[in-house]
Amino acid sequence: MSALVFVDTNVFVYARQAREAQKQPVAAQWIDRLWREQVGRTSIQVLNECYAVLTRAARPPPSSMIVWDYVRSLLAWNPQPVDADVLVRAFEIEQRHHLNWWDCLVVGAAQLQGCGVLLTEDLQDRAIYGSVTVRNPFVMAASDDLGAYSPYGVDVPAHPRRGRPRRARG
């Protein structure tokens, strides 16, 4: 069984940017796999960032309606809202790991959804934050086995106030 996988903004963005000749097909493969297996997760924060990046970063910028259709389609992933639980978890993560606030919100949302993997290139590959292991989607193949990352049955405790994240072995 595959672990639940939280997808960060950059993966969704790369999947739509043809100018990223090497990253675009890899990101698209990840999204396709996670959709087929119904194990992909994300958050409202990520979808907000995705819309903002795709409507402002590309030159020339695509139609806002095209971008909106893409973002709206991702609502089918039932994104985690940014609510009080996410804020509290993000604060605990910030105190423990000293990540920037936006990354804390992403890690917190991934934890609260029971994800074993966070796909992003914004954090250190293989860093572990509670039950979530960061994986760079451009370092591993979309076909790789994700079962080893499954946090099923793992209760995610509050983070202690100091120390560095563990690194996965392997």
N, C-alpha and C. Protein backbone atom coordinates (compact mmCIF):
# COMPACT_ATOMS: atom_id res chain seq x y z
N MET A 1 0.84 -1.19 0.00
CA MET A 1 0.00 0.00 0.00
C MET A 1 0.88 1.24 0.00
N SER A 2 0.49 2.21 -0.75
CA SER A 2 1.23 3.48 -0.80
C SER A 2 0.85 4.36 0.37
N ALA A 3 1.81 5.13 0.80
CA ALA A 3 1.55 6.14 1.82
C ALA A 3 0.76 7.28 1.20
N LEU A 4 0.06 8.02 2.05
CA LEU A 4 -0.56 9.26 1.58
C LEU A 4 0.57 10.25 1.30
N VAL A 5 0.42 11.00 0.23
CA VAL A 5 1.49 11.89 -0.24
C VAL A 5 0.95 13.31 -0.36
N PHE A 6 1.56 14.22 0.39
CA PHE A 6 1.19 15.63 0.33
C PHE A 6 2.00 16.28 -0.78
N VAL A 7 1.33 17.00 -1.67
CA VAL A 7 1.98 17.64 -2.81
C VAL A 7 2.07 19.14 -2.56
N ASP A 8 3.30 19.66 -2.65
CA ASP A 8 3.54 21.08 -2.45
C ASP A 8 3.36 21.83 -3.77
N THR A 9 3.30 23.12 -3.67
CA THR A 9 3.03 24.02 -4.79
C THR A 9 3.92 23.76 -6.00
N ASN A 10 5.22 23.63 -5.78
CA ASN A 10 6.14 23.54 -6.91
C ASN A 10 5.85 22.36 -7.82
N VAL A 11 5.34 21.26 -7.28
CA VAL A 11 5.04 20.09 -8.11
C VAL A 11 3.86 20.41 -9.03
N PHE A 12 2.82 21.01 -8.49
CA PHE A 12 1.67 21.39 -9.31
C PHE A 12 2.07 22.41 -10.38
N VAL A 13 2.92 23.35 -10.00
CA VAL A 13 3.34 24.39 -10.94
C VAL A 13 4.18 23.80 -12.07
N TYR A 14 5.17 22.99 -11.71
CA TYR A 14 6.01 22.38 -12.75
C TYR A 14 5.21 21.51 -13.71
N ALA A 15 4.18 20.86 -13.20
CA ALA A 15 3.36 20.00 -14.06
C ALA A 15 2.67 20.79 -15.16
N ARG A 16 2.53 22.10 -14.98
CA ARG A 16 1.84 22.95 -15.96
C ARG A 16 2.78 23.83 -16.77
N GLN A 17 4.06 23.79 -16.51
CA GLN A 17 4.99 24.68 -17.20
C GLN A 17 5.85 23.92 -18.20
N ALA A 18 5.49 24.02 -19.46
CA ALA A 18 6.22 23.33 -20.52
C ALA A 18 7.66 23.82 -20.63
N ARG A 19 7.94 25.05 -20.18
CA ARG A 19 9.30 25.58 -20.27
C ARG A 19 10.25 24.83 -19.34
N GLU A 20 9.73 24.07 -18.41
CA GLU A 20 10.54 23.23 -17.52
C GLU A 20 10.64 21.84 -18.15
N ALA A 21 11.46 21.74 -19.20
CA ALA A 21 11.50 20.54 -20.04
C ALA A 21 11.81 19.26 -19.27
N GLN A 22 12.62 19.32 -18.24
CA GLN A 22 12.95 18.12 -17.48
C GLN A 22 11.99 17.88 -16.32
N LYS A 23 11.56 18.94 -15.67
CA LYS A 23 10.71 18.78 -14.48
C LYS A 23 9.24 18.59 -14.82
N GLN A 24 8.78 19.16 -15.91
CA GLN A 24 7.36 19.09 -16.26
C GLN A 24 6.86 17.65 -16.40
N PRO A 25 7.51 16.79 -17.15
CA PRO A 25 6.97 15.43 -17.28
C PRO A 25 7.05 14.64 -15.97
N VAL A 26 8.07 14.89 -15.18
CA VAL A 26 8.20 14.18 -13.90
C VAL A 26 7.08 14.60 -12.95
N ALA A 27 6.85 15.90 -12.85
CA ALA A 27 5.77 16.40 -11.99
C ALA A 27 4.43 15.87 -12.47
N ALA A 28 4.21 15.85 -13.76
CA ALA A 28 2.95 15.33 -14.30
C ALA A 28 2.78 13.85 -13.99
N GLN A 29 3.87 13.08 -14.04
CA GLN A 29 3.80 11.65 -13.70
C GLN A 29 3.41 11.45 -12.23
N TRP A 30 3.98 12.27 -11.36
CA TRP A 30 3.64 12.19 -9.94
C TRP A 30 2.15 12.47 -9.73
N ILE A 31 1.68 13.56 -10.30
CA ILE A 31 0.28 13.93 -10.11
C ILE A 31 -0.64 12.86 -10.67
N ASP A 32 -0.31 12.31 -11.84
CA ASP A 32 -1.11 11.25 -12.43
C ASP A 32 -1.15 10.03 -11.52
N ARG A 33 -0.01 9.60 -11.01
CA ARG A 33 0.02 8.43 -10.14
C ARG A 33 -0.80 8.66 -8.87
N LEU A 34 -0.59 9.80 -8.23
CA LEU A 34 -1.29 10.07 -6.98
C LEU A 34 -2.79 10.15 -7.18
N TRP A 35 -3.21 10.67 -8.34
CA TRP A 35 -4.64 10.73 -8.66
C TRP A 35 -5.20 9.32 -8.88
N ARG A 36 -4.50 8.51 -9.67
CA ARG A 36 -4.96 7.15 -9.96
C ARG A 36 -5.08 6.33 -8.68
N GLU A 37 -4.09 6.45 -7.80
CA GLU A 37 -4.07 5.67 -6.56
C GLU A 37 -4.88 6.31 -5.44
N GLN A 38 -5.37 7.52 -5.68
CA GLN A 38 -6.16 8.26 -4.69
C GLN A 38 -5.42 8.45 -3.36
N VAL A 39 -4.10 8.72 -3.45
CA VAL A 39 -3.30 8.92 -2.24
C VAL A 39 -2.70 10.33 -2.17
N GLY A 40 -3.02 11.18 -3.14
CA GLY A 40 -2.51 12.54 -3.15
C GLY A 40 -3.29 13.43 -2.21
N ARG A 41 -2.59 14.29 -1.50
CA ARG A 41 -3.20 15.27 -0.61
C ARG A 41 -2.53 16.61 -0.84
N THR A 42 -3.22 17.67 -0.47
CA THR A 42 -2.66 19.02 -0.55
C THR A 42 -3.44 19.91 0.40
N SER A 43 -3.24 21.23 0.29
CA SER A 43 -3.94 22.16 1.18
C SER A 43 -4.45 23.36 0.39
N ILE A 44 -5.35 24.07 1.01
CA ILE A 44 -5.86 25.31 0.42
C ILE A 44 -4.72 26.31 0.23
N GLN A 45 -3.79 26.36 1.18
CA GLN A 45 -2.63 27.25 1.05
C GLN A 45 -1.87 26.94 -0.23
N VAL A 46 -1.62 25.67 -0.50
CA VAL A 46 -0.87 25.26 -1.69
C VAL A 46 -1.63 25.67 -2.95
N LEU A 47 -2.94 25.48 -2.96
CA LEU A 47 -3.72 25.85 -4.14
C LEU A 47 -3.72 27.36 -4.35
N ASN A 48 -3.74 28.14 -3.28
CA ASN A 48 -3.62 29.59 -3.40
C ASN A 48 -2.28 29.98 -4.02
N GLU A 49 -1.21 29.37 -3.52
CA GLU A 49 0.12 29.66 -4.06
C GLU A 49 0.23 29.24 -5.52
N CYS A 50 -0.35 28.10 -5.85
CA CYS A 50 -0.31 27.59 -7.22
C CYS A 50 -0.97 28.59 -8.17
N TYR A 51 -2.14 29.07 -7.82
CA TYR A 51 -2.84 30.04 -8.65
C TYR A 51 -1.99 31.31 -8.82
N ALA A 52 -1.47 31.80 -7.70
CA ALA A 52 -0.67 33.04 -7.75
C ALA A 52 0.56 32.87 -8.63
N VAL A 53 1.27 31.77 -8.48
CA VAL A 53 2.50 31.55 -9.26
C VAL A 53 2.17 31.40 -10.74
N LEU A 54 1.17 30.58 -11.05
CA LEU A 54 0.87 30.32 -12.45
C LEU A 54 0.30 31.53 -13.20
N THR A 55 -0.37 32.43 -12.49
CA THR A 55 -0.93 33.60 -13.16
C THR A 55 0.06 34.76 -13.22
N ARG A 56 1.17 34.67 -12.49
CA ARG A 56 2.09 35.81 -12.45
C ARG A 56 3.50 35.50 -12.90
N ALA A 57 3.93 34.25 -12.80
CA ALA A 57 5.33 33.93 -13.08
C ALA A 57 5.60 33.67 -14.56
N ALA A 58 4.66 33.12 -15.26
CA ALA A 58 4.89 32.77 -16.66
C ALA A 58 4.88 34.01 -17.54
N ARG A 59 5.69 33.98 -18.58
CA ARG A 59 5.72 35.06 -19.56
C ARG A 59 5.52 34.48 -20.93
N PRO A 60 4.48 34.80 -21.63
CA PRO A 60 3.36 35.61 -21.17
C PRO A 60 2.48 34.80 -20.21
N PRO A 61 1.81 35.48 -19.29
CA PRO A 61 0.96 34.77 -18.34
C PRO A 61 -0.23 34.12 -19.05
N PRO A 62 -0.59 32.92 -18.62
CA PRO A 62 -1.75 32.28 -19.22
C PRO A 62 -3.04 32.97 -18.76
N SER A 63 -4.10 32.67 -19.42
CA SER A 63 -5.40 33.19 -19.02
C SER A 63 -5.71 32.77 -17.59
N SER A 64 -6.23 33.70 -16.81
CA SER A 64 -6.57 33.36 -15.43
C SER A 64 -7.66 32.28 -15.39
N MET A 65 -8.49 32.20 -16.42
CA MET A 65 -9.52 31.16 -16.47
C MET A 65 -8.91 29.77 -16.67
N ILE A 66 -7.87 29.68 -17.46
CA ILE A 66 -7.19 28.39 -17.66
C ILE A 66 -6.56 27.94 -16.35
N VAL A 67 -5.89 28.86 -15.68
CA VAL A 67 -5.26 28.54 -14.40
C VAL A 67 -6.33 28.18 -13.38
N TRP A 68 -7.41 28.96 -13.34
CA TRP A 68 -8.47 28.68 -12.39
C TRP A 68 -9.08 27.29 -12.62
N ASP A 69 -9.27 26.91 -13.87
CA ASP A 69 -9.81 25.57 -14.16
C ASP A 69 -8.90 24.48 -13.60
N TYR A 70 -7.59 24.68 -13.74
CA TYR A 70 -6.62 23.73 -13.21
C TYR A 70 -6.71 23.67 -11.68
N VAL A 71 -6.66 24.82 -11.04
CA VAL A 71 -6.72 24.87 -9.58
C VAL A 71 -8.05 24.31 -9.09
N ARG A 72 -9.12 24.67 -9.74
CA ARG A 72 -10.44 24.16 -9.35
C ARG A 72 -10.48 22.64 -9.46
N SER A 73 -9.83 22.07 -10.47
CA SER A 73 -9.81 20.61 -10.61
C SER A 73 -9.09 19.96 -9.42
N LEU A 74 -8.14 20.67 -8.83
CA LEU A 74 -7.41 20.13 -7.69
C LEU A 74 -8.23 20.15 -6.40
N LEU A 75 -9.36 20.83 -6.41
CA LEU A 75 -10.25 20.79 -5.25
C LEU A 75 -10.78 19.37 -5.02
N ALA A 76 -10.73 18.54 -6.06
CA ALA A 76 -11.15 17.14 -5.92
C ALA A 76 -10.24 16.38 -4.96
N TRP A 77 -9.06 16.91 -4.69
CA TRP A 77 -8.13 16.28 -3.74
C TRP A 77 -8.54 16.55 -2.29
N ASN A 78 -9.64 17.28 -2.10
CA ASN A 78 -10.14 17.62 -0.77
C ASN A 78 -9.04 18.26 0.08
N PRO A 79 -8.55 19.44 -0.34
CA PRO A 79 -7.42 20.07 0.34
C PRO A 79 -7.70 20.45 1.79
N GLN A 80 -6.66 20.32 2.59
CA GLN A 80 -6.72 20.68 4.01
C GLN A 80 -6.90 22.19 4.13
N PRO A 81 -7.94 22.64 4.85
CA PRO A 81 -8.07 24.08 5.06
C PRO A 81 -7.01 24.58 6.04
N VAL A 82 -6.70 25.84 5.95
CA VAL A 82 -5.82 26.45 6.94
C VAL A 82 -6.73 26.87 8.09
N ASP A 83 -6.74 26.03 9.12
CA ASP A 83 -7.63 26.26 10.25
C ASP A 83 -6.81 26.33 11.54
N ALA A 84 -7.48 26.35 12.68
CA ALA A 84 -6.79 26.47 13.95
C ALA A 84 -5.84 25.30 14.19
N ASP A 85 -6.25 24.09 13.82
CA ASP A 85 -5.38 22.93 14.02
C ASP A 85 -4.09 23.05 13.22
N VAL A 86 -4.18 23.52 11.98
CA VAL A 86 -2.99 23.70 11.16
C VAL A 86 -2.10 24.79 11.75
N LEU A 87 -2.70 25.87 12.21
CA LEU A 87 -1.90 26.96 12.79
C LEU A 87 -1.15 26.50 14.03
N VAL A 88 -1.83 25.76 14.91
CA VAL A 88 -1.18 25.26 16.12
C VAL A 88 -0.05 24.31 15.76
N ARG A 89 -0.32 23.40 14.84
CA ARG A 89 0.72 22.44 14.43
C ARG A 89 1.89 23.17 13.78
N ALA A 90 1.60 24.15 12.94
CA ALA A 90 2.67 24.91 12.28
C ALA A 90 3.54 25.63 13.31
N PHE A 91 2.92 26.19 14.34
CA PHE A 91 3.70 26.87 15.38
C PHE A 91 4.63 25.88 16.09
N GLU A 92 4.12 24.69 16.40
CA GLU A 92 4.95 23.66 17.04
C GLU A 92 6.14 23.30 16.14
N ILE A 93 5.89 23.17 14.86
CA ILE A 93 6.95 22.84 13.90
C ILE A 93 7.97 23.97 13.82
N GLU A 94 7.48 25.19 13.79
CA GLU A 94 8.38 26.35 13.74
C GLU A 94 9.29 26.38 14.97
N GLN A 95 8.72 26.14 16.14
CA GLN A 95 9.51 26.16 17.37
C GLN A 95 10.55 25.04 17.39
N ARG A 96 10.19 23.90 16.84
CA ARG A 96 11.07 22.73 16.87
C ARG A 96 12.13 22.77 15.78
N HIS A 97 11.73 23.14 14.57
CA HIS A 97 12.63 22.99 13.43
C HIS A 97 13.11 24.30 12.81
N HIS A 98 12.54 25.41 13.22
CA HIS A 98 12.96 26.72 12.72
C HIS A 98 12.84 26.86 11.21
N LEU A 99 11.79 26.27 10.64
CA LEU A 99 11.50 26.44 9.21
C LEU A 99 10.78 27.76 9.03
N ASN A 100 10.71 28.24 7.78
CA ASN A 100 9.92 29.45 7.57
C ASN A 100 8.44 29.11 7.76
N TRP A 101 7.67 30.10 8.06
CA TRP A 101 6.26 29.91 8.44
C TRP A 101 5.46 29.17 7.37
N TRP A 102 5.67 29.51 6.11
CA TRP A 102 4.88 28.89 5.04
C TRP A 102 5.19 27.41 4.92
N ASP A 103 6.45 27.03 5.11
CA ASP A 103 6.80 25.62 5.10
C ASP A 103 6.22 24.91 6.33
N CYS A 104 6.18 25.59 7.46
CA CYS A 104 5.56 25.01 8.66
C CYS A 104 4.08 24.70 8.42
N LEU A 105 3.39 25.59 7.73
CA LEU A 105 1.99 25.35 7.42
C LEU A 105 1.83 24.13 6.51
N VAL A 106 2.73 23.96 5.55
CA VAL A 106 2.67 22.81 4.64
C VAL A 106 2.94 21.52 5.41
N VAL A 107 4.00 21.50 6.22
CA VAL A 107 4.32 20.30 6.99
C VAL A 107 3.19 19.97 7.95
N GLY A 108 2.65 20.99 8.60
CA GLY A 108 1.53 20.77 9.53
C GLY A 108 0.31 20.20 8.84
N ALA A 109 -0.03 20.73 7.67
CA ALA A 109 -1.18 20.21 6.92
C ALA A 109 -0.92 18.76 6.49
N ALA A 110 0.30 18.45 6.10
CA ALA A 110 0.65 17.07 5.72
C ALA A 110 0.50 16.14 6.91
N GLN A 111 0.98 16.56 8.07
CA GLN A 111 0.85 15.73 9.27
C GLN A 111 -0.61 15.49 9.63
N LEU A 112 -1.39 16.54 9.61
CA LEU A 112 -2.79 16.42 10.01
C LEU A 112 -3.61 15.55 9.06
N GLN A 113 -3.13 15.40 7.83
CA GLN A 113 -3.82 14.52 6.88
C GLN A 113 -3.28 13.10 6.91
N GLY A 114 -2.33 12.83 7.78
CA GLY A 114 -1.78 11.49 7.91
C GLY A 114 -0.85 11.09 6.79
N CYS A 115 -0.21 12.08 6.17
CA CYS A 115 0.70 11.79 5.06
C CYS A 115 2.04 11.27 5.57
N GLY A 116 2.59 10.31 4.85
CA GLY A 116 3.91 9.80 5.15
C GLY A 116 4.99 10.50 4.36
N VAL A 117 4.58 11.12 3.22
CA VAL A 117 5.53 11.77 2.32
C VAL A 117 5.05 13.18 2.01
N LEU A 118 6.01 14.10 1.95
CA LEU A 118 5.77 15.46 1.48
C LEU A 118 6.63 15.65 0.24
N LEU A 119 5.99 15.75 -0.93
CA LEU A 119 6.73 15.97 -2.18
C LEU A 119 6.98 17.46 -2.35
N THR A 120 8.25 17.85 -2.28
CA THR A 120 8.62 19.24 -2.47
C THR A 120 10.12 19.32 -2.74
N GLU A 121 10.51 20.34 -3.47
CA GLU A 121 11.94 20.59 -3.61
C GLU A 121 12.37 21.76 -2.73
N ASP A 122 11.45 22.26 -1.91
CA ASP A 122 11.73 23.41 -1.07
C ASP A 122 12.37 23.06 0.28
N LEU A 123 12.32 21.80 0.67
CA LEU A 123 12.92 21.36 1.92
C LEU A 123 13.95 20.27 1.62
N GLN A 124 14.79 19.99 2.59
CA GLN A 124 15.86 19.01 2.40
C GLN A 124 15.29 17.61 2.16
N ASP A 125 15.73 16.99 1.07
CA ASP A 125 15.30 15.63 0.74
C ASP A 125 15.65 14.68 1.88
N ARG A 126 14.68 13.86 2.26
CA ARG A 126 14.78 12.83 3.30
C ARG A 126 14.73 13.37 4.73
N ALA A 127 14.53 14.68 4.91
CA ALA A 127 14.33 15.21 6.26
C ALA A 127 13.01 14.65 6.79
N ILE A 128 12.96 14.40 8.08
CA ILE A 128 11.77 13.84 8.70
C ILE A 128 11.23 14.83 9.72
N TYR A 129 9.97 15.16 9.59
CA TYR A 129 9.28 16.05 10.52
C TYR A 129 8.10 15.28 11.09
N GLY A 130 8.28 14.73 12.29
CA GLY A 130 7.24 13.90 12.87
C GLY A 130 7.04 12.66 12.02
N SER A 131 5.85 12.45 11.50
CA SER A 131 5.54 11.27 10.68
C SER A 131 5.74 11.51 9.19
N VAL A 132 6.19 12.70 8.82
CA VAL A 132 6.29 13.09 7.41
C VAL A 132 7.76 13.11 6.97
N THR A 133 8.04 12.40 5.89
CA THR A 133 9.37 12.41 5.29
C THR A 133 9.32 13.25 4.01
N VAL A 134 10.22 14.20 3.91
CA VAL A 134 10.31 15.04 2.71
C VAL A 134 11.02 14.25 1.62
N ARG A 135 10.44 14.25 0.44
CA ARG A 135 11.09 13.66 -0.72
C ARG A 135 11.03 14.65 -1.87
N ASN A 136 12.18 14.82 -2.52
CA ASN A 136 12.24 15.67 -3.69
C ASN A 136 11.72 14.84 -4.86
N PRO A 137 10.64 15.27 -5.50
CA PRO A 137 10.05 14.47 -6.57
C PRO A 137 10.93 14.35 -7.80
N PHE A 138 11.99 15.15 -7.86
CA PHE A 138 12.87 15.12 -9.02
C PHE A 138 14.14 14.31 -8.74
N VAL A 139 14.19 13.70 -7.55
CA VAL A 139 15.30 12.84 -7.17
C VAL A 139 14.86 11.37 -7.21
N MET A 140 13.58 11.13 -7.01
CA MET A 140 13.05 9.77 -7.04
C MET A 140 12.03 9.64 -8.16
N ALA A 141 11.79 8.45 -8.60
CA ALA A 141 10.85 8.22 -9.70
C ALA A 141 9.43 8.13 -9.17
N ALA A 142 8.50 8.57 -9.98
CA ALA A 142 7.09 8.50 -9.61
C ALA A 142 6.63 7.05 -9.44
N SER A 143 7.37 6.12 -9.97
CA SER A 143 7.01 4.70 -9.86
C SER A 143 7.60 4.04 -8.61
N ASP A 144 8.43 4.76 -7.84
CA ASP A 144 9.05 4.18 -6.64
C ASP A 144 8.00 3.76 -5.62
N ASP A 145 8.34 2.73 -4.85
CA ASP A 145 7.46 2.24 -3.80
C ASP A 145 7.43 3.25 -2.66
N LEU A 146 6.24 3.59 -2.22
CA LEU A 146 6.08 4.56 -1.14
C LEU A 146 5.60 3.91 0.15
N GLY A 147 5.44 2.59 0.13
CA GLY A 147 4.93 1.88 1.30
C GLY A 147 5.76 2.06 2.55
N ALA A 148 7.06 2.22 2.40
CA ALA A 148 7.94 2.37 3.56
C ALA A 148 7.68 3.67 4.31
N TYR A 149 6.99 4.61 3.70
CA TYR A 149 6.75 5.91 4.32
C TYR A 149 5.40 5.99 5.02
N SER A 150 4.66 4.92 5.02
CA SER A 150 3.31 4.96 5.56
C SER A 150 3.31 5.19 7.06
N PRO A 151 2.62 6.24 7.53
CA PRO A 151 2.56 6.50 8.97
C PRO A 151 1.32 5.90 9.62
N TYR A 152 0.63 4.97 8.91
CA TYR A 152 -0.61 4.42 9.45
C TYR A 152 -0.38 3.87 10.85
N GLY A 153 -1.29 4.24 11.75
CA GLY A 153 -1.19 3.79 13.12
C GLY A 153 -0.22 4.61 13.96
N VAL A 154 0.39 5.60 13.37
CA VAL A 154 1.35 6.44 14.10
C VAL A 154 0.63 7.68 14.57
N ASP A 155 0.67 7.92 15.86
CA ASP A 155 0.10 9.15 16.40
C ASP A 155 1.19 10.21 16.32
N VAL A 156 0.86 11.35 15.76
CA VAL A 156 1.84 12.41 15.60
C VAL A 156 1.83 13.29 16.84
N PRO A 157 2.86 13.17 17.67
CA PRO A 157 2.89 13.97 18.90
C PRO A 157 3.30 15.40 18.60
N ALA A 158 3.08 16.25 19.59
CA ALA A 158 3.58 17.63 19.48
C ALA A 158 5.10 17.56 19.42
N HIS A 159 5.70 18.49 18.74
CA HIS A 159 7.14 18.50 18.58
C HIS A 159 7.81 19.08 19.81
N PRO A 160 8.90 18.46 20.26
CA PRO A 160 9.68 19.09 21.33
C PRO A 160 10.22 20.43 20.84
N ARG A 161 10.70 21.23 21.71
CA ARG A 161 11.10 22.58 21.35
C ARG A 161 12.50 22.72 20.76
N ARG A 162 13.31 21.66 20.71
CA ARG A 162 14.64 21.84 20.13
C ARG A 162 15.11 20.58 19.42
N GLY A 163 16.17 20.75 18.66
CA GLY A 163 16.75 19.64 17.91
C GLY A 163 16.55 19.81 16.43
N ARG A 164 17.20 18.97 15.68
CA ARG A 164 17.11 19.01 14.22
C ARG A 164 16.31 17.82 13.74
N PRO A 165 15.74 17.94 12.53
CA PRO A 165 15.00 16.80 12.00
C PRO A 165 15.93 15.63 11.73
N ARG A 166 15.40 14.43 11.93
CA ARG A 166 16.18 13.24 11.60
C ARG A 166 16.26 13.10 10.10
N ARG A 167 17.26 12.43 9.63
CA ARG A 167 17.39 12.11 8.21
C ARG A 167 17.13 10.62 8.05
N ALA A 168 16.37 10.29 7.04
CA ALA A 168 16.11 8.88 6.75
C ALA A 168 17.40 8.23 6.28
N ARG A 169 17.56 6.99 6.63
CA ARG A 169 18.74 6.25 6.16
C ARG A 169 18.42 5.61 4.84
N GLY A 170 19.41 5.56 3.99
CA GLY A 170 19.19 4.86 2.72
C GLY A 170 19.48 5.63 1.53
